[in-house]
N, C-alpha and C. Protein backbone atom coordinates (compact mmCIF):
# COMPACT_ATOMS: atom_id res chain seq x y z
N UNK A 1 118.67 140.63 2.71
CA UNK A 1 118.71 140.89 4.14
C UNK A 1 118.20 142.30 4.48
N UNK A 2 118.17 143.16 3.50
CA UNK A 2 117.67 144.53 3.76
C UNK A 2 116.20 144.53 4.20
N UNK A 3 115.33 143.69 3.60
CA UNK A 3 113.95 143.69 4.11
C UNK A 3 113.83 143.27 5.57
N UNK A 4 114.68 142.35 6.03
CA UNK A 4 114.65 141.96 7.45
C UNK A 4 115.11 143.11 8.35
N UNK A 5 116.10 143.86 7.89
CA UNK A 5 116.57 145.01 8.65
C UNK A 5 115.45 146.06 8.74
N UNK A 6 114.77 146.30 7.63
CA UNK A 6 113.66 147.28 7.65
C UNK A 6 112.55 146.78 8.57
N UNK A 7 112.26 145.49 8.54
CA UNK A 7 111.25 144.93 9.45
C UNK A 7 111.67 145.11 10.91
N UNK A 8 112.97 144.92 11.19
CA UNK A 8 113.48 145.10 12.52
C UNK A 8 113.38 146.54 13.00
N UNK A 9 113.37 147.47 12.11
CA UNK A 9 113.19 148.89 12.49
C UNK A 9 111.71 149.31 12.48
N UNK A 10 110.93 148.67 11.60
CA UNK A 10 109.52 149.02 11.46
C UNK A 10 108.68 148.60 12.66
N UNK A 11 108.92 147.41 13.16
CA UNK A 11 108.10 146.90 14.26
C UNK A 11 108.25 147.68 15.57
N UNK A 12 109.46 148.01 16.01
CA UNK A 12 109.53 148.83 17.27
C UNK A 12 108.96 150.23 17.08
N UNK A 13 109.16 150.83 15.91
CA UNK A 13 108.60 152.16 15.69
C UNK A 13 107.06 152.09 15.66
N UNK A 14 106.53 151.05 15.03
CA UNK A 14 105.08 150.85 14.99
C UNK A 14 104.53 150.62 16.39
N UNK A 15 105.26 149.85 17.18
CA UNK A 15 104.81 149.57 18.53
C UNK A 15 104.73 150.86 19.35
N UNK A 16 105.73 151.70 19.22
CA UNK A 16 105.75 152.96 19.96
C UNK A 16 104.52 153.81 19.58
N UNK A 17 104.27 153.98 18.30
CA UNK A 17 103.16 154.84 17.86
C UNK A 17 101.80 154.23 18.14
N UNK A 18 101.69 152.89 18.01
CA UNK A 18 100.40 152.24 18.28
C UNK A 18 100.09 152.29 19.78
N UNK A 19 101.09 152.10 20.62
CA UNK A 19 100.85 152.19 22.06
C UNK A 19 100.40 153.60 22.45
N UNK A 20 101.03 154.59 21.88
CA UNK A 20 100.61 155.97 22.17
C UNK A 20 99.19 156.25 21.68
N UNK A 21 98.86 155.71 20.51
CA UNK A 21 97.55 155.95 19.92
C UNK A 21 96.44 155.18 20.59
N UNK A 22 96.65 153.90 20.87
CA UNK A 22 95.60 153.04 21.42
C UNK A 22 95.51 153.14 22.94
N UNK A 23 96.65 153.01 23.62
CA UNK A 23 96.62 152.92 25.07
C UNK A 23 96.79 154.28 25.70
N UNK A 24 97.63 155.13 25.15
CA UNK A 24 97.87 156.44 25.73
C UNK A 24 99.18 156.45 26.51
N UNK A 25 99.38 157.50 27.26
CA UNK A 25 100.66 157.66 27.97
C UNK A 25 100.59 157.15 29.41
N UNK A 26 99.42 157.04 29.99
CA UNK A 26 99.29 156.63 31.39
C UNK A 26 99.02 155.12 31.50
N UNK A 27 99.77 154.34 30.80
CA UNK A 27 99.50 152.89 30.79
C UNK A 27 100.31 152.15 31.84
N UNK A 28 99.83 150.93 32.16
CA UNK A 28 100.60 150.04 33.03
C UNK A 28 101.42 149.14 32.16
N UNK A 29 102.56 148.73 32.65
CA UNK A 29 103.43 147.82 31.93
C UNK A 29 103.40 146.45 32.60
N UNK A 30 103.80 145.45 31.85
CA UNK A 30 103.87 144.09 32.40
C UNK A 30 104.84 144.07 33.60
N UNK A 31 105.88 144.86 33.54
CA UNK A 31 106.88 144.88 34.62
C UNK A 31 106.32 145.43 35.92
N UNK A 32 105.14 146.06 35.87
CA UNK A 32 104.52 146.60 37.09
C UNK A 32 103.45 145.67 37.65
N UNK A 33 103.29 144.49 37.05
CA UNK A 33 102.23 143.55 37.49
C UNK A 33 102.87 142.26 37.99
N UNK A 34 101.99 141.32 38.38
CA UNK A 34 102.43 140.00 38.82
C UNK A 34 102.97 139.18 37.66
N UNK A 35 102.68 139.57 36.44
CA UNK A 35 103.12 138.80 35.28
C UNK A 35 104.53 139.10 34.83
N UNK A 36 105.26 139.90 35.64
CA UNK A 36 106.63 140.26 35.25
C UNK A 36 107.51 139.03 35.07
N UNK A 37 107.48 138.14 36.03
CA UNK A 37 108.36 136.96 35.99
C UNK A 37 107.85 135.95 34.97
N UNK A 38 106.56 135.85 34.81
CA UNK A 38 106.01 134.94 33.78
C UNK A 38 106.44 135.41 32.40
N UNK A 39 106.41 136.70 32.17
CA UNK A 39 106.81 137.28 30.89
C UNK A 39 108.31 137.05 30.64
N UNK A 40 109.13 137.26 31.64
CA UNK A 40 110.57 137.07 31.50
C UNK A 40 110.91 135.60 31.23
N UNK A 41 110.35 134.72 32.02
CA UNK A 41 110.61 133.26 31.87
C UNK A 41 110.08 132.79 30.49
N UNK A 42 108.90 133.26 30.12
CA UNK A 42 108.34 132.89 28.82
C UNK A 42 109.22 133.35 27.67
N UNK A 43 109.70 134.57 27.74
CA UNK A 43 110.61 135.06 26.70
C UNK A 43 111.90 134.27 26.63
N UNK A 44 112.46 133.94 27.79
CA UNK A 44 113.70 133.17 27.82
C UNK A 44 113.47 131.80 27.18
N UNK A 45 112.35 131.15 27.53
CA UNK A 45 112.03 129.83 26.95
C UNK A 45 111.84 129.95 25.43
N UNK A 46 111.15 131.00 24.98
CA UNK A 46 110.95 131.18 23.55
C UNK A 46 112.26 131.40 22.81
N UNK A 47 113.14 132.21 23.38
CA UNK A 47 114.43 132.49 22.73
C UNK A 47 115.28 131.23 22.66
N UNK A 48 115.38 130.53 23.76
CA UNK A 48 116.23 129.31 23.78
C UNK A 48 115.66 128.26 22.84
N UNK A 49 114.37 128.06 22.87
CA UNK A 49 113.74 127.09 21.99
C UNK A 49 113.92 127.46 20.52
N UNK A 50 113.71 128.74 20.20
CA UNK A 50 113.85 129.14 18.80
C UNK A 50 115.30 129.02 18.31
N UNK A 51 116.26 129.34 19.17
CA UNK A 51 117.66 129.19 18.76
C UNK A 51 118.03 127.72 18.55
N UNK A 52 117.55 126.87 19.44
CA UNK A 52 117.83 125.43 19.27
C UNK A 52 117.16 124.88 18.01
N UNK A 53 115.93 125.30 17.75
CA UNK A 53 115.26 124.88 16.52
C UNK A 53 115.98 125.38 15.28
N UNK A 54 116.40 126.61 15.32
CA UNK A 54 117.08 127.18 14.15
C UNK A 54 118.42 126.51 13.92
N UNK A 55 119.14 126.17 14.98
CA UNK A 55 120.46 125.53 14.82
C UNK A 55 120.38 124.06 14.42
N UNK A 56 119.41 123.34 14.99
CA UNK A 56 119.40 121.90 14.83
C UNK A 56 118.29 121.30 13.98
N UNK A 57 117.22 122.04 13.76
CA UNK A 57 116.09 121.48 13.04
C UNK A 57 115.91 122.11 11.65
N UNK A 58 115.95 123.42 11.61
CA UNK A 58 115.70 124.14 10.37
C UNK A 58 116.92 124.03 9.47
N UNK A 59 116.65 123.74 8.19
CA UNK A 59 117.74 123.70 7.21
C UNK A 59 118.12 125.12 6.85
N UNK A 60 119.21 125.62 7.40
CA UNK A 60 119.60 127.02 7.20
C UNK A 60 120.11 127.31 5.80
N UNK A 61 120.40 126.27 5.03
CA UNK A 61 120.84 126.50 3.63
C UNK A 61 119.63 126.79 2.74
N UNK A 62 118.43 126.41 3.20
CA UNK A 62 117.21 126.70 2.45
C UNK A 62 116.64 128.03 2.93
N UNK A 63 116.73 129.04 2.07
CA UNK A 63 116.33 130.38 2.46
C UNK A 63 114.84 130.48 2.78
N UNK A 64 114.02 129.77 2.03
CA UNK A 64 112.57 129.82 2.29
C UNK A 64 112.21 129.17 3.63
N UNK A 65 112.94 128.13 4.02
CA UNK A 65 112.68 127.49 5.30
C UNK A 65 113.00 128.45 6.45
N UNK A 66 114.07 129.20 6.31
CA UNK A 66 114.42 130.18 7.34
C UNK A 66 113.38 131.30 7.41
N UNK A 67 112.91 131.75 6.24
CA UNK A 67 111.89 132.79 6.22
C UNK A 67 110.59 132.32 6.85
N UNK A 68 110.19 131.09 6.54
CA UNK A 68 108.97 130.54 7.17
C UNK A 68 109.16 130.42 8.68
N UNK A 69 110.32 129.97 9.09
CA UNK A 69 110.61 129.85 10.52
C UNK A 69 110.52 131.22 11.20
N UNK A 70 111.08 132.26 10.59
CA UNK A 70 111.02 133.59 11.18
C UNK A 70 109.61 134.12 11.23
N UNK A 71 108.78 133.81 10.24
CA UNK A 71 107.41 134.24 10.25
C UNK A 71 106.61 133.55 11.36
N UNK A 72 106.85 132.25 11.54
CA UNK A 72 106.19 131.50 12.60
C UNK A 72 106.65 132.02 13.96
N UNK A 73 107.94 132.29 14.09
CA UNK A 73 108.48 132.84 15.33
C UNK A 73 107.88 134.20 15.67
N UNK A 74 107.72 135.04 14.66
CA UNK A 74 107.07 136.33 14.83
C UNK A 74 105.66 136.16 15.38
N UNK A 75 104.91 135.22 14.82
CA UNK A 75 103.54 134.98 15.29
C UNK A 75 103.52 134.47 16.73
N UNK A 76 104.43 133.58 17.05
CA UNK A 76 104.46 133.03 18.42
C UNK A 76 104.83 134.09 19.44
N UNK A 77 105.84 134.90 19.14
CA UNK A 77 106.27 135.93 20.09
C UNK A 77 105.19 136.97 20.33
N UNK A 78 104.59 137.47 19.26
CA UNK A 78 103.56 138.51 19.46
C UNK A 78 102.27 137.91 20.02
N UNK A 79 101.98 136.64 19.72
CA UNK A 79 100.85 135.97 20.35
C UNK A 79 101.08 135.83 21.85
N UNK A 80 102.28 135.46 22.24
CA UNK A 80 102.62 135.34 23.67
C UNK A 80 102.49 136.69 24.36
N UNK A 81 103.03 137.73 23.75
CA UNK A 81 102.93 139.07 24.34
C UNK A 81 101.49 139.53 24.51
N UNK A 82 100.67 139.26 23.49
CA UNK A 82 99.26 139.65 23.59
C UNK A 82 98.56 138.88 24.68
N UNK A 83 98.83 137.59 24.83
CA UNK A 83 98.19 136.81 25.88
C UNK A 83 98.60 137.30 27.26
N UNK A 84 99.89 137.57 27.44
CA UNK A 84 100.37 138.01 28.76
C UNK A 84 99.78 139.37 29.12
N UNK A 85 99.71 140.27 28.14
CA UNK A 85 99.11 141.59 28.42
C UNK A 85 97.63 141.47 28.69
N UNK A 86 96.92 140.58 28.01
CA UNK A 86 95.50 140.38 28.27
C UNK A 86 95.31 139.76 29.65
N UNK A 87 96.15 138.84 30.03
CA UNK A 87 96.00 138.12 31.30
C UNK A 87 96.28 139.01 32.51
N UNK A 88 97.32 139.83 32.42
CA UNK A 88 97.76 140.58 33.60
C UNK A 88 97.41 142.06 33.62
N UNK A 89 96.99 142.60 32.50
CA UNK A 89 96.55 144.00 32.45
C UNK A 89 95.12 143.98 31.92
N UNK A 90 94.18 143.64 32.79
CA UNK A 90 92.77 143.43 32.39
C UNK A 90 92.09 144.72 31.92
N UNK A 91 92.36 145.83 32.56
CA UNK A 91 91.60 147.03 32.30
C UNK A 91 92.11 147.82 31.10
N UNK A 92 93.14 147.37 30.46
CA UNK A 92 93.77 148.12 29.39
C UNK A 92 93.51 147.47 28.03
N UNK A 93 93.62 148.30 27.00
CA UNK A 93 93.53 147.77 25.65
C UNK A 93 94.92 147.45 25.08
N UNK A 94 95.88 147.24 25.95
CA UNK A 94 97.27 147.03 25.52
C UNK A 94 97.46 145.70 24.78
N UNK A 95 96.55 144.73 24.99
CA UNK A 95 96.69 143.46 24.31
C UNK A 95 96.41 143.55 22.83
N UNK A 96 95.81 144.63 22.39
CA UNK A 96 95.52 144.82 20.97
C UNK A 96 96.79 145.18 20.19
N UNK A 97 97.72 145.85 20.85
CA UNK A 97 98.93 146.33 20.16
C UNK A 97 99.76 145.17 19.59
N UNK A 98 100.07 144.11 20.36
CA UNK A 98 100.83 143.02 19.76
C UNK A 98 100.12 142.31 18.60
N UNK A 99 98.79 142.26 18.66
CA UNK A 99 98.05 141.65 17.57
C UNK A 99 98.17 142.51 16.33
N UNK A 100 98.11 143.83 16.46
CA UNK A 100 98.28 144.70 15.32
C UNK A 100 99.73 144.65 14.78
N UNK A 101 100.69 144.53 15.68
CA UNK A 101 102.08 144.36 15.23
C UNK A 101 102.29 143.07 14.49
N UNK A 102 101.63 142.01 14.95
CA UNK A 102 101.68 140.73 14.24
C UNK A 102 101.10 140.89 12.85
N UNK A 103 99.99 141.58 12.73
CA UNK A 103 99.37 141.83 11.44
C UNK A 103 100.28 142.62 10.53
N UNK A 104 100.89 143.69 11.05
CA UNK A 104 101.80 144.51 10.26
C UNK A 104 103.01 143.69 9.82
N UNK A 105 103.59 142.93 10.75
CA UNK A 105 104.75 142.12 10.41
C UNK A 105 104.45 141.04 9.41
N UNK A 106 103.28 140.40 9.52
CA UNK A 106 102.91 139.35 8.58
C UNK A 106 102.66 139.91 7.18
N UNK A 107 101.95 141.00 7.11
CA UNK A 107 101.72 141.63 5.80
C UNK A 107 103.04 142.06 5.17
N UNK A 108 103.90 142.66 5.95
CA UNK A 108 105.21 143.07 5.45
C UNK A 108 106.01 141.88 4.93
N UNK A 109 105.99 140.78 5.69
CA UNK A 109 106.73 139.58 5.27
C UNK A 109 106.18 139.04 3.96
N UNK A 110 104.87 138.97 3.84
CA UNK A 110 104.32 138.42 2.60
C UNK A 110 104.55 139.33 1.40
N UNK A 111 104.61 140.64 1.60
CA UNK A 111 104.81 141.54 0.48
C UNK A 111 106.29 141.65 0.09
N UNK A 112 107.17 141.85 1.07
CA UNK A 112 108.53 142.18 0.75
C UNK A 112 109.53 141.01 0.92
N UNK A 113 109.27 140.04 1.74
CA UNK A 113 110.23 138.99 2.00
C UNK A 113 109.96 137.75 1.16
N UNK A 114 108.68 137.35 1.04
CA UNK A 114 108.40 136.12 0.27
C UNK A 114 108.26 136.41 -1.20
């Protein structure tokens, strides 16, 4: 479980530094656009769906099945974030950050978790 804890700390720290490096400090956020409610509703749907899948579909006694599920969930969440940022913040390069975070998270998972 230590690798998952490190991943949980690595991704937010990476997001902070990548946003500063790629987008800069004068960026727009999703909460400042029309996509605020789409983002919130989408996140709620993703969380509820993933919890229901984890509780009722995924065999939680199989450790590899849970790891694969978390990797797929990571891809779906960051893919959704990237799409929403691309759709509602057209003039910014902010949509690149979730794709890079997905890449970092996937590489980390394949090296340290699997």
